[in-house]
């Protein structure tokens, strides 16, 4: 998926046309890219497939994103900005309690992520994109995520550390990293426990969250 041609090489009339519907065009490209990255990975994504799926041309992709790396970043940004906001709001609500518990802090981290995986259109697809990010070791993407969303992890790490001051920083981050991996697995619903036909997505998600919170709390408290 090579996006090499500068947008400035296209005629002004073409640029004006692209500006006329920036939201719908940009969202179409992001939605198509999300599906494509989930299916084929970042390296295997084809520009021909992307433009065909989004019903746009190369000029539109260049105009809105400029490069493949930036397109990948924006696929993550449109999901993670909202997720980060919900997590930090939930964390603040937990901290505002008279006696917040470790489970309260973990719930603030876990519940918004599981909600994203089932509540938002395309949420399940984004989870597969997230799994690709873990698998492909894209260093540029990791840098983008660290620079833009690392502060969220630091807030949770500080809150957990306040509850478990005996854990040194390295050990704390090891355990949080393992919890984040388990959460991604739960979001993707890859496990052997599947939702029963008689159970709603909401109830299934709540049960998954309960189990994960209990498991994560035990792991964090372990000697």
Protein backbone atom coordinates (compact mmCIF):
# COMPACT_ATOMS: atom_id res chain seq x y z
CA UNK A 1 0.00 0.00 0.00
CA UNK A 2 2.30 2.73 -1.27
CA UNK A 3 1.10 6.32 -1.20
CA UNK A 4 3.90 8.24 -2.82
CA UNK A 5 2.40 10.98 -4.97
CA UNK A 6 2.13 14.38 -3.30
CA UNK A 7 -1.35 15.89 -3.16
CA UNK A 8 0.11 19.15 -4.46
CA UNK A 9 0.59 17.52 -7.87
CA UNK A 10 -3.18 17.38 -8.37
CA UNK A 11 -5.13 20.18 -10.01
CA UNK A 12 -6.79 22.83 -7.79
CA UNK A 13 -10.26 21.93 -9.11
CA UNK A 14 -9.70 18.36 -7.95
CA UNK A 15 -8.63 19.55 -4.51
CA UNK A 16 -11.73 21.72 -4.25
CA UNK A 17 -13.90 18.72 -5.08
CA UNK A 18 -12.23 16.65 -2.37
CA UNK A 19 -12.82 19.44 0.12
CA UNK A 20 -16.55 19.45 -0.58
CA UNK A 21 -17.25 16.29 1.42
CA UNK A 22 -14.26 15.86 3.73
CA UNK A 23 -16.06 13.99 6.50
CA UNK A 24 -17.78 11.34 4.43
CA UNK A 25 -14.75 10.73 2.22
CA UNK A 26 -12.32 10.54 5.12
CA UNK A 27 -14.59 8.23 7.11
CA UNK A 28 -15.06 5.95 4.09
CA UNK A 29 -11.30 5.66 3.68
CA UNK A 30 -10.79 5.00 7.40
CA UNK A 31 -13.51 2.37 7.47
CA UNK A 32 -12.15 0.60 4.41
CA UNK A 33 -8.58 0.77 5.74
CA UNK A 34 -9.67 -0.66 9.07
CA UNK A 35 -11.31 -3.63 7.36
CA UNK A 36 -8.33 -4.11 5.08
CA UNK A 37 -5.72 -3.92 7.85
CA UNK A 38 -7.75 -6.35 9.95
CA UNK A 39 -7.90 -8.84 7.09
CA UNK A 40 -4.47 -8.51 5.48
CA UNK A 41 -2.30 -6.74 8.03
CA UNK A 42 -0.49 -3.45 7.52
CA UNK A 43 2.24 -4.75 5.23
CA UNK A 44 -0.14 -6.81 3.11
CA UNK A 45 -2.71 -4.08 2.52
CA UNK A 46 -3.28 -3.21 -1.13
CA UNK A 47 -3.96 0.34 -2.29
CA UNK A 48 -6.08 -1.02 -5.14
CA UNK A 49 -8.31 -2.83 -2.64
CA UNK A 50 -8.50 0.23 -0.41
CA UNK A 51 -9.55 2.66 -3.12
CA UNK A 52 -12.05 0.16 -4.55
CA UNK A 53 -13.61 -0.56 -1.16
CA UNK A 54 -13.81 3.11 -0.14
CA UNK A 55 -14.93 4.14 -3.66
CA UNK A 56 -12.28 6.85 -3.83
CA UNK A 57 -9.17 7.46 -5.89
CA UNK A 58 -5.52 7.91 -4.96
CA UNK A 59 -5.92 11.69 -4.84
CA UNK A 60 -8.44 11.40 -2.01
CA UNK A 61 -6.21 9.10 0.03
CA UNK A 62 -3.24 11.43 -0.41
CA UNK A 63 -5.31 14.52 0.33
CA UNK A 64 -6.66 13.26 3.65
CA UNK A 65 -3.68 11.25 4.90
CA UNK A 66 -0.58 11.86 2.80
CA UNK A 67 1.14 8.58 3.63
CA UNK A 68 0.38 5.01 4.58
CA UNK A 69 1.92 5.47 8.02
CA UNK A 70 -0.32 8.44 8.72
CA UNK A 71 -3.36 6.49 7.51
CA UNK A 72 -2.51 3.68 9.94
CA UNK A 73 -2.13 6.24 12.73
CA UNK A 74 -5.50 7.80 11.99
CA UNK A 75 -7.24 4.41 12.00
CA UNK A 76 -6.05 4.07 15.58
CA UNK A 77 -6.71 7.69 16.52
CA UNK A 78 -10.41 7.65 15.65
CA UNK A 79 -10.96 4.75 18.09
CA UNK A 80 -8.39 5.43 20.78
CA UNK A 81 -9.18 9.11 21.36
CA UNK A 82 -12.67 8.22 22.53
CA UNK A 83 -11.54 5.11 24.40
CA UNK A 84 -8.89 7.12 26.26
CA UNK A 85 -11.45 9.77 27.23
CA UNK A 86 -13.84 7.15 28.59
CA UNK A 87 -11.07 5.40 30.50
CA UNK A 88 -9.78 8.59 32.12
CA UNK A 89 -13.30 9.69 33.05
CA UNK A 90 -13.95 6.29 34.63
CA UNK A 91 -10.61 6.43 36.45
CA UNK A 92 -11.43 9.86 37.84
CA UNK A 93 -14.80 8.57 39.03
CA UNK A 94 -13.02 5.70 40.79
CA UNK A 95 -10.54 8.09 42.41
CA UNK A 96 -13.40 10.28 43.62
CA UNK A 97 -14.72 7.46 45.77
CA UNK A 98 -14.02 7.63 49.49
CA UNK A 99 -12.05 4.39 49.38
CA UNK A 100 -11.31 3.32 45.79
CA UNK A 101 -10.23 -0.28 45.37
CA UNK A 102 -7.87 -1.94 42.95
CA UNK A 103 -10.92 -3.52 41.33
CA UNK A 104 -12.44 -0.05 40.77
CA UNK A 105 -9.29 1.05 38.94
CA UNK A 106 -9.17 -2.09 36.83
CA UNK A 107 -12.86 -1.70 35.95
CA UNK A 108 -12.11 1.79 34.63
CA UNK A 109 -9.43 0.30 32.39
CA UNK A 110 -11.33 -2.81 31.25
CA UNK A 111 -15.00 -1.86 30.88
CA UNK A 112 -14.55 0.92 28.25
CA UNK A 113 -12.34 -1.34 26.13
CA UNK A 114 -14.81 -4.22 26.15
CA UNK A 115 -17.62 -1.79 25.36
CA UNK A 116 -15.70 -0.58 22.30
CA UNK A 117 -15.40 -4.14 21.00
CA UNK A 118 -19.16 -4.65 20.81
CA UNK A 119 -20.93 -1.27 20.99
CA UNK A 120 -19.31 0.75 18.24
CA UNK A 121 -19.87 0.06 14.52
CA UNK A 122 -16.63 -1.51 13.39
CA UNK A 123 -15.43 -2.03 16.95
CA UNK A 124 -14.87 -5.75 16.46
CA UNK A 125 -12.90 -5.02 13.30
CA UNK A 126 -10.71 -2.54 15.15
CA UNK A 127 -9.92 -5.19 17.75
CA UNK A 128 -8.49 -7.36 14.97
CA UNK A 129 -6.43 -4.37 13.80
CA UNK A 130 -5.17 -4.00 17.35
CA UNK A 131 -4.18 -7.66 17.38
CA UNK A 132 -2.27 -7.06 14.12
CA UNK A 133 -0.37 -4.23 15.81
CA UNK A 134 0.76 -6.65 18.52
CA UNK A 135 1.78 -9.27 15.96
CA UNK A 136 3.56 -7.15 13.35
CA UNK A 137 5.84 -5.12 15.65
CA UNK A 138 5.36 -1.90 13.67
CA UNK A 139 7.86 0.40 15.37
CA UNK A 140 6.46 3.60 13.86
CA UNK A 141 3.00 2.68 15.08
CA UNK A 142 4.34 1.83 18.53
CA UNK A 143 6.02 5.24 18.69
CA UNK A 144 2.77 6.96 17.66
CA UNK A 145 0.75 5.05 20.27
CA UNK A 146 3.32 5.73 22.99
CA UNK A 147 3.50 9.44 22.23
CA UNK A 148 -0.28 9.94 21.99
CA UNK A 149 -1.70 7.46 24.50
CA UNK A 150 1.17 6.61 26.83
CA UNK A 151 -0.13 9.18 29.32
CA UNK A 152 -3.28 7.10 29.81
CA UNK A 153 -1.25 4.06 30.82
CA UNK A 154 0.82 6.23 33.17
CA UNK A 155 -2.34 7.48 34.90
CA UNK A 156 -3.52 3.93 35.49
CA UNK A 157 -0.07 2.80 36.57
CA UNK A 158 0.04 5.63 39.14
CA UNK A 159 -3.40 4.70 40.46
CA UNK A 160 -2.47 1.01 40.73
CA UNK A 161 0.86 1.85 42.33
CA UNK A 162 -0.95 3.85 45.02
CA UNK A 163 -2.88 0.69 45.90
CA UNK A 164 0.18 -1.59 45.66
CA UNK A 165 3.18 0.51 46.74
CA UNK A 166 5.32 -2.59 47.33
CA UNK A 167 5.59 -3.21 43.57
CA UNK A 168 8.59 -1.57 41.93
CA UNK A 169 8.04 0.23 38.63
CA UNK A 170 9.44 -2.50 36.39
CA UNK A 171 7.37 -5.23 38.01
CA UNK A 172 4.26 -3.04 37.91
CA UNK A 173 4.60 -2.43 34.17
CA UNK A 174 5.27 -6.10 33.48
CA UNK A 175 1.99 -6.98 35.15
CA UNK A 176 0.04 -4.19 33.46
CA UNK A 177 1.43 -5.26 30.09
CA UNK A 178 0.23 -8.83 30.68
CA UNK A 179 -3.20 -7.54 31.72
CA UNK A 180 -3.40 -5.43 28.55
CA UNK A 181 -2.63 -8.53 26.49
CA UNK A 182 -5.35 -10.51 28.27
CA UNK A 183 -7.77 -7.64 27.70
CA UNK A 184 -7.02 -7.59 23.97
CA UNK A 185 -7.64 -11.34 23.86
CA UNK A 186 -10.97 -10.87 25.66
CA UNK A 187 -11.95 -8.02 23.32
CA UNK A 188 -11.27 -10.23 20.30
CA UNK A 189 -13.45 -13.00 21.79
CA UNK A 190 -10.93 -15.63 20.67
CA UNK A 191 -11.35 -17.78 23.77
CA UNK A 192 -13.01 -21.13 24.29
CA UNK A 193 -15.92 -19.54 26.19
CA UNK A 194 -18.40 -18.22 23.65
CA UNK A 195 -21.57 -16.24 24.17
CA UNK A 196 -24.63 -18.43 24.52
CA UNK A 197 -27.43 -17.79 22.08
CA UNK A 198 -29.76 -16.86 24.91
CA UNK A 199 -27.29 -14.35 26.40
CA UNK A 200 -27.10 -10.74 25.22
CA UNK A 201 -23.80 -9.18 24.16
CA UNK A 202 -24.05 -6.81 27.12
CA UNK A 203 -24.40 -9.61 29.69
CA UNK A 204 -21.61 -11.63 28.04
CA UNK A 205 -19.34 -8.58 28.10
CA UNK A 206 -20.12 -7.88 31.76
CA UNK A 207 -19.30 -11.47 32.71
CA UNK A 208 -16.04 -11.30 30.76
CA UNK A 209 -15.17 -8.06 32.57
CA UNK A 210 -15.92 -9.55 35.99
CA UNK A 211 -13.66 -12.53 35.35
CA UNK A 212 -10.86 -10.38 33.89
CA UNK A 213 -10.99 -7.86 36.74
CA UNK A 214 -10.81 -10.63 39.33
CA UNK A 215 -7.94 -12.33 37.47
CA UNK A 216 -6.02 -9.07 36.96
CA UNK A 217 -6.42 -8.02 40.58
CA UNK A 218 -5.08 -11.36 41.77
CA UNK A 219 -2.11 -11.09 39.42
CA UNK A 220 -1.29 -7.57 40.56
CA UNK A 221 -1.53 -8.52 44.24
CA UNK A 222 0.57 -11.67 43.91
CA UNK A 223 3.85 -11.79 45.83
